[in-house]
Protein backbone atom coordinates (compact mmCIF):
# COMPACT_ATOMS: atom_id res chain seq x y z
CA MET A 1 49.50 -0.65 63.12
CA SER A 2 46.36 -2.86 62.72
CA VAL A 3 43.45 -2.24 60.05
CA ASN A 4 40.63 -0.21 61.03
CA ALA A 5 37.28 -1.59 61.86
CA ASP A 6 35.50 -0.36 58.56
CA ASP A 7 38.19 -1.87 56.31
CA PHE A 8 38.14 -5.24 58.40
CA LYS A 9 34.45 -5.42 58.19
CA LYS A 10 34.75 -4.76 54.09
CA ALA A 11 37.13 -7.51 54.00
CA LEU A 12 35.20 -10.11 55.92
CA GLN A 13 32.32 -9.20 53.65
CA ARG A 14 34.19 -11.29 51.00
CA TRP A 15 33.81 -14.36 52.83
CA ALA A 16 30.85 -16.36 51.82
CA SER A 17 29.34 -18.17 54.92
CA GLY A 18 26.16 -20.38 55.78
CA VAL A 19 24.00 -18.73 58.26
CA THR A 20 23.12 -20.54 61.77
CA VAL A 21 20.97 -19.54 64.65
CA VAL A 22 22.63 -20.48 67.75
CA THR A 23 20.14 -21.42 70.66
CA THR A 24 20.24 -22.34 74.06
CA GLN A 25 17.75 -22.64 77.29
CA SER A 26 18.53 -21.91 80.73
CA GLU A 27 16.72 -21.78 83.84
CA LYS A 28 17.28 -18.14 84.41
CA PHE A 29 16.73 -16.83 80.81
CA GLY A 30 14.46 -19.29 79.35
CA VAL A 31 15.07 -20.00 75.58
CA GLN A 32 17.36 -17.79 73.66
CA GLY A 33 18.62 -17.40 70.24
CA MET A 34 20.66 -15.45 67.80
CA THR A 35 21.82 -15.38 64.27
CA VAL A 36 25.80 -16.15 63.70
CA THR A 37 28.04 -16.69 60.89
CA ALA A 38 30.93 -17.16 62.87
CA PHE A 39 30.81 -21.22 63.23
CA SER A 40 33.30 -23.69 62.27
CA SER A 41 34.34 -27.31 63.16
CA VAL A 42 37.21 -27.80 65.38
CA SER A 43 37.86 -31.64 65.83
CA VAL A 44 36.38 -34.97 64.74
CA ASN A 45 37.61 -36.79 67.67
CA PRO A 46 36.34 -35.92 69.95
CA PRO A 47 33.62 -34.23 67.81
CA GLN A 48 33.98 -30.42 68.62
CA ILE A 49 32.83 -27.02 66.78
CA LEU A 50 32.96 -23.35 67.91
CA VAL A 51 30.85 -20.45 67.48
CA CYS A 52 31.97 -16.78 68.19
CA LEU A 53 29.24 -14.72 70.08
CA ASN A 54 29.57 -11.03 70.84
CA ASP A 55 30.07 -10.46 74.75
CA SER A 56 27.21 -8.06 74.82
CA ALA A 57 24.55 -10.65 73.27
CA ASP A 58 22.13 -11.96 75.79
CA THR A 59 22.28 -15.58 74.27
CA SER A 60 25.87 -15.40 75.75
CA ALA A 61 24.49 -15.38 79.09
CA GLY A 62 22.12 -18.09 78.62
CA ILE A 63 25.08 -20.44 77.31
CA GLU A 64 27.28 -19.47 80.33
CA GLU A 65 24.38 -20.37 82.76
CA SER A 66 23.10 -23.60 80.82
CA ARG A 67 26.60 -24.82 79.54
CA CYS A 68 25.21 -26.08 76.52
CA PHE A 69 24.10 -24.78 73.04
CA ALA A 70 22.85 -25.98 69.55
CA VAL A 71 23.88 -24.57 66.02
CA ASN A 72 21.23 -24.78 63.52
CA VAL A 73 22.15 -24.22 59.98
CA LEU A 74 19.27 -22.40 58.05
CA ASN A 75 17.86 -23.52 54.96
CA SER A 76 17.42 -21.52 51.80
CA GLU A 77 14.07 -20.49 52.67
CA GLN A 78 14.75 -19.14 56.16
CA GLN A 79 15.70 -15.58 55.43
CA ASP A 80 13.05 -14.64 57.70
CA VAL A 81 14.17 -16.69 60.52
CA SER A 82 17.60 -15.21 60.11
CA ASN A 83 16.54 -11.64 60.24
CA GLN A 84 14.17 -12.39 63.17
CA PHE A 85 16.96 -13.94 65.25
CA ALA A 86 19.58 -11.22 64.23
CA GLY A 87 17.87 -8.58 66.92
CA GLY A 88 15.41 -6.10 67.36
CA SER A 89 12.86 -8.60 68.74
CA SER A 90 12.62 -10.10 72.37
CA GLN A 91 13.61 -13.63 72.68
CA GLN A 92 10.07 -14.71 73.06
CA GLN A 93 9.26 -13.15 69.78
CA ARG A 94 11.98 -14.73 67.84
CA PHE A 95 10.66 -18.33 69.06
CA GLU A 96 6.93 -17.46 68.39
CA ASN A 97 7.04 -18.17 64.71
CA THR A 98 9.91 -20.92 64.53
CA SER A 99 9.28 -24.56 64.86
CA TRP A 100 11.58 -26.06 67.40
CA GLU A 101 11.83 -28.73 69.97
CA PRO A 102 14.32 -29.34 72.74
CA GLY A 103 17.47 -31.25 71.95
CA ILE A 104 19.05 -33.91 74.56
CA THR A 105 20.83 -31.01 76.04
CA GLY A 106 17.60 -28.97 76.26
CA SER A 107 18.84 -26.29 73.63
CA PRO A 108 16.34 -25.60 71.11
CA ILE A 109 16.63 -27.44 67.67
CA LEU A 110 15.26 -25.65 64.94
CA THR A 111 13.31 -28.24 63.00
CA ASP A 112 13.24 -26.54 59.49
CA SER A 113 16.98 -26.10 59.59
CA VAL A 114 19.29 -28.12 57.29
CA MET A 115 21.44 -29.38 60.17
CA SER A 116 21.30 -29.10 63.90
CA LEU A 117 24.37 -29.70 66.48
CA ASP A 118 23.35 -30.23 69.91
CA CYS A 119 26.53 -29.41 71.89
CA LYS A 120 28.07 -29.20 75.66
CA VAL A 121 30.42 -26.16 76.39
CA VAL A 122 33.89 -27.47 76.86
CA ASP A 123 35.60 -24.26 76.62
CA LYS A 124 35.41 -20.43 76.44
CA VAL A 125 38.03 -18.08 75.36
CA ARG A 126 37.89 -14.24 75.42
CA ALA A 127 38.98 -12.72 71.91
CA GLY A 128 38.48 -8.75 71.88
CA THR A 129 34.69 -8.16 71.91
CA HIS A 130 33.76 -11.79 71.31
CA TRP A 131 33.83 -15.07 73.33
CA ILE A 132 34.98 -18.22 71.28
CA ILE A 133 32.77 -20.88 72.49
CA ILE A 134 33.83 -24.50 71.90
CA GLY A 135 31.26 -27.26 72.02
CA GLU A 136 31.48 -30.99 72.11
CA VAL A 137 28.72 -32.29 69.78
CA GLN A 138 26.22 -34.49 71.69
CA ASP A 139 23.91 -35.06 68.69
CA SER A 140 23.80 -34.45 64.92
CA ILE A 141 20.75 -33.91 62.92
CA CYS A 142 20.76 -33.80 59.16
CA ARG A 143 17.95 -32.96 57.20
CA SER A 144 17.23 -32.19 53.04
CA GLY A 145 17.65 -28.91 51.51
CA ASP A 146 20.00 -26.30 50.37
CA PRO A 147 21.68 -23.87 52.93
CA LEU A 148 21.31 -20.13 53.30
CA LEU A 149 24.48 -18.19 52.51
CA TYR A 150 25.37 -14.76 53.19
CA TYR A 151 27.99 -13.00 51.00
CA CYS A 152 28.70 -9.01 50.38
CA GLY A 153 25.92 -8.19 52.81
CA ASN A 154 23.18 -10.14 50.98
CA TYR A 155 21.55 -13.60 51.31
CA ARG A 156 22.51 -16.06 48.53
CA GLN A 157 21.30 -19.32 47.33
CA LEU A 158 23.45 -22.13 45.81
CA ALA A 159 23.19 -21.91 42.02
């Protein structure tokens, strides 16, 4: 017997993570982005990362079409950006008050984030309600500042 969904979510809240916005741009869907905490490095050689996206998220369809995405690690002052990209607003509204520029793959790079990784999709694996998307990093941009953290349902900052 596996753990129930509520207990699983409660346990995962005990894992502190950085907050990212995953973005893409495609011909059919335009610019898209969503807040994601499920992000990890995979390999150094070749440089690869992964993100986990709910199958129902519209950004997933854009990544499927464009075959590229960017991961933008938010800075400690970007709680509003995290909330904006978490849903409840249109994709156009999410980008209206957020400074960005196209990366080398065309994916939006959030210029105020602590770090951005611009990637090409190399694999996509189904896992329950989500897709694990593995990307090979084409460009890495680092900026100064502290990351925005999320723990137990609240935003946190480094001490």
